[in-house]
Amino acid sequence: MKIRVGFIISDKIYIERLVSTLNRYYSDKLEIYSYTDVKVANESVENQRLDIVIVDETLQVNEYRNCCMAYFVESPDIDKIEGKKAICKFQKVELIYKDILALYSEYSSRITKRKRSGELAEVITFTSPACGSGVTSMAAAFALNCSLNNKSALYLSMENIPTTDIIFDGEGKYTLTDVVYAVKSKRSNLSMKLESFAITDSANVDYFAAPKNPMDLHEMNDEDVELLISELKSMGLYDFIVIDADFNITPTFKKIIDCSDKTVIVVNDDERSAHKVDRMNELMKVFVNNEDFIRTASFIINKEEAAKFDWSTCKVITKSGAVQGTTFRQIVDILANNQEFLKLY
């Protein structure tokens, strides 16, 4: 299924470049019609049965009733014109495409279910009973490692205070706040909405930007979390959904674990971590009805110095010494090159 989108723009050079670039990257997603003459557009748009028409803000066109209209504007600060969505035309084509997806998923009444392709994504959750063990750095490193090995991944931070925006460097205007709202509204075209919200990092990893308010993420209950993970798995876009989650005893965390194909516990090689892992195992016997959680989970031993503790009873996929870097992203990039992550594939 392709979105039938029309552009009405008098600037011939701009529209030629825009259409050429969109066709180069999104020909399998978009069926594009372009017009530089308003009169021709007025006569043609209704007959073409377009889904979306995007009009330059300087032009006067008919009120097209059988499709969704939006305006191309020069300023990124304009949200709407005459009640219709405004899209900044001076931004990356990827972001224009995301705006088209968001517009289509929000306003089209003809979509009832999106056609999906490919196998379900595998969900891998990184967590730890011991704070400060490096869960976020390892989860992000695994997502980057996927990209290095030609696997597609989406990183989803379910932390109380996400640090996503200091790890990844993509551009986009949507955040986890938009994700929460879309999930709770339970729209039938949720998967397309989620695709439009995802931001792509320079290393080709997708992610959702941190919410506008950290409390927004807590608006989701366990049913919302299950719906979100289910939709992300079924989109046909990713090999892996990488979840970064704080360890806690809540229905939402239990749902994350229940929906995960694999769980990775990140711990430091110290007495505190060893003690907390033992206590976690006892807790998980009751909480997720798993008699021996530490034997079914995978472990990463972080900041190992001299093998102080015996982790032989755990399924350890890798051990990592302390990593030095000027920025958090530099540390994550170094960790991402650890090919022991391949054991999780």
Protein backbone atom coordinates (compact mmCIF):
# COMPACT_ATOMS: atom_id res chain seq x y z
CA MET A 1 0.00 0.00 0.00
CA LYS A 2 1.35 3.40 -1.02
CA ILE A 3 0.28 6.79 0.22
CA ARG A 4 -0.93 8.89 -2.73
CA VAL A 5 0.42 12.37 -2.06
CA GLY A 6 0.27 15.47 -4.23
CA PHE A 7 2.43 18.60 -4.03
CA ILE A 8 1.23 21.94 -5.36
CA ILE A 9 4.27 24.22 -5.50
CA SER A 10 5.02 26.92 -8.05
CA ASP A 11 8.81 26.75 -7.53
CA LYS A 12 9.77 24.28 -10.28
CA ILE A 13 13.35 23.76 -9.10
CA TYR A 14 12.31 22.99 -5.54
CA ILE A 15 9.50 20.61 -6.49
CA GLU A 16 11.70 18.71 -8.95
CA ARG A 17 14.38 18.20 -6.31
CA LEU A 18 11.84 17.24 -3.65
CA VAL A 19 10.02 14.72 -5.80
CA SER A 20 13.28 13.25 -7.10
CA THR A 21 14.65 12.72 -3.58
CA LEU A 22 11.39 11.29 -2.22
CA ASN A 23 11.20 8.87 -5.13
CA ARG A 24 14.80 7.84 -4.57
CA TYR A 25 14.26 6.85 -0.93
CA TYR A 26 10.52 6.23 -0.54
CA SER A 27 9.22 4.99 -3.90
CA ASP A 28 7.92 1.88 -2.15
CA LYS A 29 5.96 4.00 0.35
CA LEU A 30 4.73 7.01 -1.65
CA GLU A 31 2.98 7.52 -4.97
CA ILE A 32 3.74 11.16 -5.80
CA TYR A 33 1.90 13.66 -7.98
CA SER A 34 3.32 17.16 -8.47
CA TYR A 35 1.77 20.37 -9.81
CA THR A 36 3.22 23.79 -10.45
CA ASP A 37 0.01 25.22 -11.95
CA VAL A 38 -2.91 25.78 -9.56
CA LYS A 39 -5.53 25.52 -12.30
CA VAL A 40 -4.22 22.14 -13.42
CA ALA A 41 -4.08 20.99 -9.81
CA ASN A 42 -7.66 22.05 -9.15
CA GLU A 43 -8.83 20.01 -12.13
CA SER A 44 -6.72 16.97 -11.38
CA VAL A 45 -6.52 16.39 -7.62
CA GLU A 46 -10.06 15.10 -7.10
CA ASN A 47 -9.79 12.76 -10.10
CA GLN A 48 -6.52 11.28 -8.86
CA ARG A 49 -8.12 10.26 -5.54
CA LEU A 50 -5.13 11.50 -3.57
CA ASP A 51 -4.78 10.79 0.14
CA ILE A 52 -2.83 13.96 0.96
CA VAL A 53 -2.32 17.28 -0.82
CA ILE A 54 0.43 19.62 0.40
CA VAL A 55 0.13 23.17 -0.91
CA ASP A 56 2.64 26.02 -0.79
CA GLU A 57 1.36 28.61 1.69
CA THR A 58 1.56 31.34 -0.98
CA LEU A 59 -0.98 29.65 -3.28
CA GLN A 60 -4.77 29.74 -3.32
CA VAL A 61 -6.37 26.42 -4.21
CA ASN A 62 -9.73 24.71 -3.99
CA GLU A 63 -10.93 23.16 -0.76
CA TYR A 64 -10.29 19.50 -1.55
CA ARG A 65 -12.89 17.52 0.36
CA ASN A 66 -11.89 13.94 -0.37
CA CYS A 67 -8.32 14.12 0.85
CA CYS A 68 -6.26 15.60 3.66
CA MET A 69 -4.77 19.03 3.03
CA ALA A 70 -1.66 20.59 4.56
CA TYR A 71 0.49 23.61 3.83
CA PHE A 72 4.18 23.90 3.03
CA VAL A 73 5.65 26.80 5.02
CA GLU A 74 9.09 28.38 5.32
CA SER A 75 9.15 28.76 9.10
CA PRO A 76 9.48 25.71 11.37
CA ASP A 77 7.61 27.62 14.09
CA ILE A 78 4.27 27.58 12.24
CA ASP A 79 2.07 24.68 13.33
CA LYS A 80 -1.16 25.36 11.43
CA ILE A 81 -2.62 27.62 8.74
CA GLU A 82 -6.40 28.06 8.64
CA GLY A 83 -6.76 24.99 10.83
CA LYS A 84 -4.67 22.77 8.59
CA LYS A 85 -1.30 21.21 9.41
CA ALA A 86 1.79 23.20 8.42
CA ILE A 87 4.95 21.37 7.27
CA CYS A 88 8.26 23.18 7.03
CA LYS A 89 9.66 22.68 3.54
CA PHE A 90 13.23 23.60 4.54
CA GLN A 91 14.12 20.45 6.43
CA LYS A 92 15.56 17.05 5.66
CA VAL A 93 13.49 14.95 3.27
CA GLU A 94 13.39 12.22 5.91
CA LEU A 95 11.56 14.61 8.25
CA ILE A 96 9.13 15.65 5.51
CA TYR A 97 8.38 11.98 4.96
CA LYS A 98 7.79 11.52 8.70
CA ASP A 99 5.37 14.47 8.66
CA ILE A 100 3.50 12.88 5.75
CA LEU A 101 3.20 9.61 7.69
CA ALA A 102 1.97 11.40 10.79
CA LEU A 103 -0.55 13.37 8.78
CA TYR A 104 -1.83 10.31 6.96
CA SER A 105 -2.14 8.18 10.08
CA GLU A 106 -3.96 10.92 11.97
CA TYR A 107 -6.50 12.03 9.40
CA SER A 108 -7.11 9.19 6.97
CA SER A 109 -10.38 7.42 7.66
CA ARG A 110 -9.71 4.82 5.00
CA ILE A 111 -6.98 3.01 6.90
CA THR A 112 -8.23 0.22 9.13
CA LYS A 113 -5.16 -1.96 9.25
CA ARG A 114 -1.70 -1.49 7.87
CA LYS A 115 -0.24 -4.25 5.77
CA ARG A 116 2.85 -5.63 7.45
CA SER A 117 5.69 -7.64 6.09
CA GLY A 118 8.62 -9.59 7.40
CA GLU A 119 9.11 -11.52 10.61
CA LEU A 120 8.36 -10.18 14.05
CA ALA A 121 11.14 -8.18 15.66
CA GLU A 122 12.90 -9.75 18.63
CA VAL A 123 12.48 -7.81 21.88
CA ILE A 124 15.54 -7.66 24.14
CA THR A 125 15.26 -5.83 27.46
CA PHE A 126 18.29 -4.54 29.36
CA THR A 127 17.85 -3.93 33.08
CA SER A 128 19.60 -4.32 36.45
CA PRO A 129 18.70 -4.59 40.13
CA ALA A 130 21.81 -2.52 40.92
CA CYS A 131 21.75 1.17 40.01
CA GLY A 132 24.79 2.55 38.22
CA SER A 133 25.70 -0.71 36.52
CA GLY A 134 25.70 0.74 33.00
CA VAL A 135 22.36 -0.56 31.70
CA THR A 136 21.76 2.41 29.39
CA SER A 137 25.27 2.36 27.93
CA MET A 138 25.02 -1.38 27.23
CA ALA A 139 21.51 -1.21 25.76
CA ALA A 140 22.49 1.67 23.47
CA ALA A 141 25.74 -0.10 22.56
CA PHE A 142 23.84 -3.22 21.57
CA ALA A 143 21.50 -1.16 19.35
CA LEU A 144 24.53 0.41 17.64
CA ASN A 145 26.16 -3.01 17.34
CA CYS A 146 23.07 -4.19 15.45
CA SER A 147 23.59 -1.43 12.91
CA LEU A 148 27.28 -2.31 12.59
CA ASN A 149 26.21 -5.86 11.71
CA ASN A 150 23.53 -4.84 9.21
CA LYS A 151 20.67 -5.47 11.62
CA SER A 152 17.92 -2.91 12.12
CA ALA A 153 17.12 -1.83 15.67
CA LEU A 154 14.85 0.54 17.54
CA TYR A 155 16.00 1.71 20.98
CA LEU A 156 13.17 2.32 23.45
CA SER A 157 13.98 3.92 26.79
CA MET A 158 11.50 3.06 29.54
CA GLU A 159 13.65 4.63 32.24
CA ASN A 160 12.14 6.93 34.83
CA ILE A 161 14.38 9.71 33.51
CA PRO A 162 15.47 8.80 29.96
CA THR A 163 18.91 9.93 28.78
CA THR A 164 18.22 9.17 25.12
CA ASP A 165 19.00 12.65 23.85
CA ILE A 166 22.62 12.61 25.03
CA ILE A 167 23.27 9.29 23.29
CA PHE A 168 21.64 9.65 19.89
CA ASP A 169 21.91 12.57 17.49
CA GLY A 170 19.03 12.31 15.03
CA GLU A 171 16.68 15.15 14.11
CA GLY A 172 12.94 15.14 14.68
CA LYS A 173 10.14 16.97 16.46
CA TYR A 174 8.28 14.03 17.99
CA THR A 175 9.02 12.51 21.40
CA LEU A 176 7.92 9.70 23.68
CA THR A 177 5.14 12.03 24.82
CA ASP A 178 3.61 11.68 21.35
CA VAL A 179 4.09 7.91 21.54
CA VAL A 180 2.24 7.74 24.87
CA TYR A 181 -0.66 9.80 23.53
CA ALA A 182 -0.94 7.68 20.37
CA VAL A 183 -0.86 4.41 22.32
CA LYS A 184 -3.48 5.53 24.82
CA SER A 185 -5.76 6.73 22.03
CA LYS A 186 -5.52 3.18 20.57
CA ARG A 187 -5.88 4.25 16.95
CA SER A 188 -6.26 1.47 14.40
CA ASN A 189 -3.31 2.86 12.42
CA LEU A 190 -0.98 3.01 15.41
CA SER A 191 1.97 1.31 13.67
CA MET A 192 2.18 4.04 11.03
CA LYS A 193 1.96 6.68 13.75
CA LEU A 194 4.86 5.08 15.62
CA GLU A 195 6.93 4.92 12.44
CA SER A 196 6.42 8.65 11.95
CA PHE A 197 7.56 9.37 15.52
CA ALA A 198 10.81 7.39 15.28
CA ILE A 199 14.02 9.36 14.78
CA THR A 200 17.02 7.92 12.95
CA ASP A 201 20.47 8.39 14.45
CA SER A 202 23.56 9.05 12.31
CA ALA A 203 24.56 5.43 12.98
CA ASN A 204 21.23 4.27 11.50
CA VAL A 205 19.56 3.31 14.78
CA ASP A 206 15.96 4.41 15.32
CA TYR A 207 14.77 5.73 18.66
CA PHE A 208 12.11 7.84 20.33
CA ALA A 209 13.29 11.12 21.80
CA ALA A 210 12.92 11.64 25.55
CA PRO A 211 9.43 12.77 26.63
CA LYS A 212 8.73 16.44 27.14
CA ASN A 213 7.96 15.66 30.77
CA PRO A 214 9.43 12.50 32.41
CA MET A 215 6.06 11.90 34.06
CA ASP A 216 4.42 11.38 30.65
CA LEU A 217 5.86 7.88 30.39
CA HIS A 218 4.15 6.93 33.65
CA GLU A 219 0.77 7.57 32.07
CA MET A 220 1.06 4.17 30.38
CA ASN A 221 -0.33 1.15 32.19
CA ASP A 222 0.59 -2.47 31.58
CA GLU A 223 -2.00 -2.83 28.79
CA ASP A 224 -0.58 0.23 27.03
CA VAL A 225 2.94 -1.17 27.30
CA GLU A 226 1.83 -4.49 25.84
CA LEU A 227 0.14 -2.70 22.93
CA LEU A 228 3.20 -0.56 22.25
CA ILE A 229 5.61 -3.51 22.22
CA SER A 230 3.23 -5.59 20.11
CA GLU A 231 2.93 -2.85 17.49
CA LEU A 232 6.68 -2.28 17.36
CA LYS A 233 7.31 -6.02 16.93
CA SER A 234 4.78 -6.27 14.11
CA MET A 235 5.80 -3.25 12.05
CA GLY A 236 8.12 -5.25 9.82
CA LEU A 237 10.82 -2.57 10.07
CA TYR A 238 13.20 -3.92 12.71
CA ASP A 239 15.18 -7.00 13.60
CA PHE A 240 15.40 -5.95 17.24
CA ILE A 241 13.46 -3.78 19.67
CA VAL A 242 15.96 -2.84 22.40
CA ILE A 243 14.31 -1.78 25.66
CA ASP A 244 16.19 0.05 28.41
CA ALA A 245 14.15 -0.41 31.60
CA ASP A 246 14.62 0.42 35.26
CA PHE A 247 14.22 -2.67 37.44
CA ASN A 248 11.17 -2.23 39.66
CA ILE A 249 8.20 -4.13 40.97
CA THR A 250 5.34 -2.69 38.96
CA PRO A 251 2.77 -4.14 36.56
CA THR A 252 4.35 -2.21 33.66
CA PHE A 253 7.82 -3.66 34.31
CA LYS A 254 6.35 -7.14 34.62
CA LYS A 255 4.63 -6.64 31.27
CA ILE A 256 7.92 -5.55 29.68
CA ILE A 257 9.60 -8.74 30.92
CA ASP A 258 6.66 -10.88 29.82
CA CYS A 259 6.76 -9.35 26.32
CA SER A 260 10.53 -9.72 25.96
CA ASP A 261 12.16 -12.56 24.05
CA LYS A 262 15.36 -12.10 26.04
CA THR A 263 16.34 -10.25 29.21
CA VAL A 264 19.86 -8.96 29.78
CA ILE A 265 20.99 -8.14 33.33
CA VAL A 266 23.89 -5.68 33.55
CA VAL A 267 25.88 -5.77 36.79
CA ASN A 268 29.20 -4.64 38.16
CA ASP A 269 31.70 -7.16 39.47
CA ASP A 270 31.24 -6.20 43.10
CA GLU A 271 29.67 -7.43 46.34
CA ARG A 272 26.67 -5.13 46.07
CA SER A 273 25.68 -6.35 42.61
CA ALA A 274 26.14 -10.01 43.57
CA HIS A 275 23.89 -9.53 46.59
CA LYS A 276 21.21 -7.74 44.58
CA VAL A 277 21.22 -10.44 41.90
CA ASP A 278 20.54 -13.07 44.58
CA ARG A 279 17.69 -11.00 46.00
CA MET A 280 16.34 -10.33 42.51
CA ASN A 281 16.20 -14.04 41.78
CA GLU A 282 14.12 -14.69 44.89
CA LEU A 283 11.82 -11.83 43.99
CA MET A 284 11.30 -12.91 40.40
CA LYS A 285 10.19 -16.38 41.46
CA VAL A 286 7.00 -14.77 42.70
CA PHE A 287 6.80 -11.64 40.55
CA VAL A 288 7.06 -13.25 37.10
CA ASN A 289 6.57 -16.87 38.16
CA ASN A 290 10.11 -17.81 37.16
CA GLU A 291 11.73 -20.31 39.48
CA ASP A 292 15.28 -19.49 38.40
CA PHE A 293 15.30 -16.13 36.66
CA ILE A 294 19.09 -15.71 36.71
CA ARG A 295 19.53 -18.95 34.74
CA THR A 296 17.14 -17.86 31.98
CA ALA A 297 18.45 -14.30 31.68
CA SER A 298 21.70 -13.26 30.01
CA PHE A 299 24.30 -11.29 31.95
CA ILE A 300 26.83 -8.60 31.12
CA ILE A 301 29.50 -8.10 33.76
CA ASN A 302 30.47 -4.46 33.50
CA LYS A 303 33.56 -2.67 34.82
CA GLU A 304 35.27 -5.95 35.60
CA GLU A 305 38.68 -5.50 37.19
CA ALA A 306 39.93 -8.73 38.74
CA ALA A 307 37.04 -11.21 38.57
CA LYS A 308 36.13 -10.62 42.19
CA PHE A 309 32.99 -12.75 42.14
CA ASP A 310 32.05 -16.09 40.65
CA TRP A 311 29.41 -15.59 37.97
CA SER A 312 29.69 -19.13 36.59
CA THR A 313 26.08 -19.96 37.51
CA CYS A 314 24.89 -17.15 35.18
CA LYS A 315 24.77 -17.09 31.40
CA VAL A 316 27.38 -14.39 30.87
CA ILE A 317 27.53 -13.15 27.29
CA THR A 318 30.40 -10.74 27.84
CA LYS A 319 32.58 -9.05 30.43
CA SER A 320 33.73 -5.49 30.00
CA GLY A 321 36.42 -3.52 31.72
CA ALA A 322 36.02 0.15 32.53
CA VAL A 323 35.79 2.27 29.36
CA GLN A 324 37.05 5.84 29.21
CA GLY A 325 35.55 8.47 26.95
CA THR A 326 35.07 12.23 26.79
CA THR A 327 31.31 11.93 26.23
CA PHE A 328 28.68 9.31 26.97
CA ARG A 329 28.29 8.69 23.24
CA GLN A 330 32.01 8.02 22.86
CA ILE A 331 31.80 5.39 25.59
CA VAL A 332 28.78 3.80 23.91
CA ASP A 333 30.56 3.77 20.53
CA ILE A 334 33.52 1.93 22.04
CA LEU A 335 31.25 -0.63 23.72
CA ALA A 336 29.29 -1.13 20.47
CA ASN A 337 32.33 -2.72 18.84
CA ASN A 338 32.22 -5.66 21.25
CA GLN A 339 31.33 -8.58 18.99
CA GLU A 340 30.29 -10.67 21.99
CA PHE A 341 26.92 -8.95 21.49
CA LEU A 342 26.45 -11.35 18.58
CA LYS A 343 25.51 -14.00 21.16
CA LEU A 344 22.20 -12.15 21.55
CA TYR A 345 21.33 -12.39 17.85
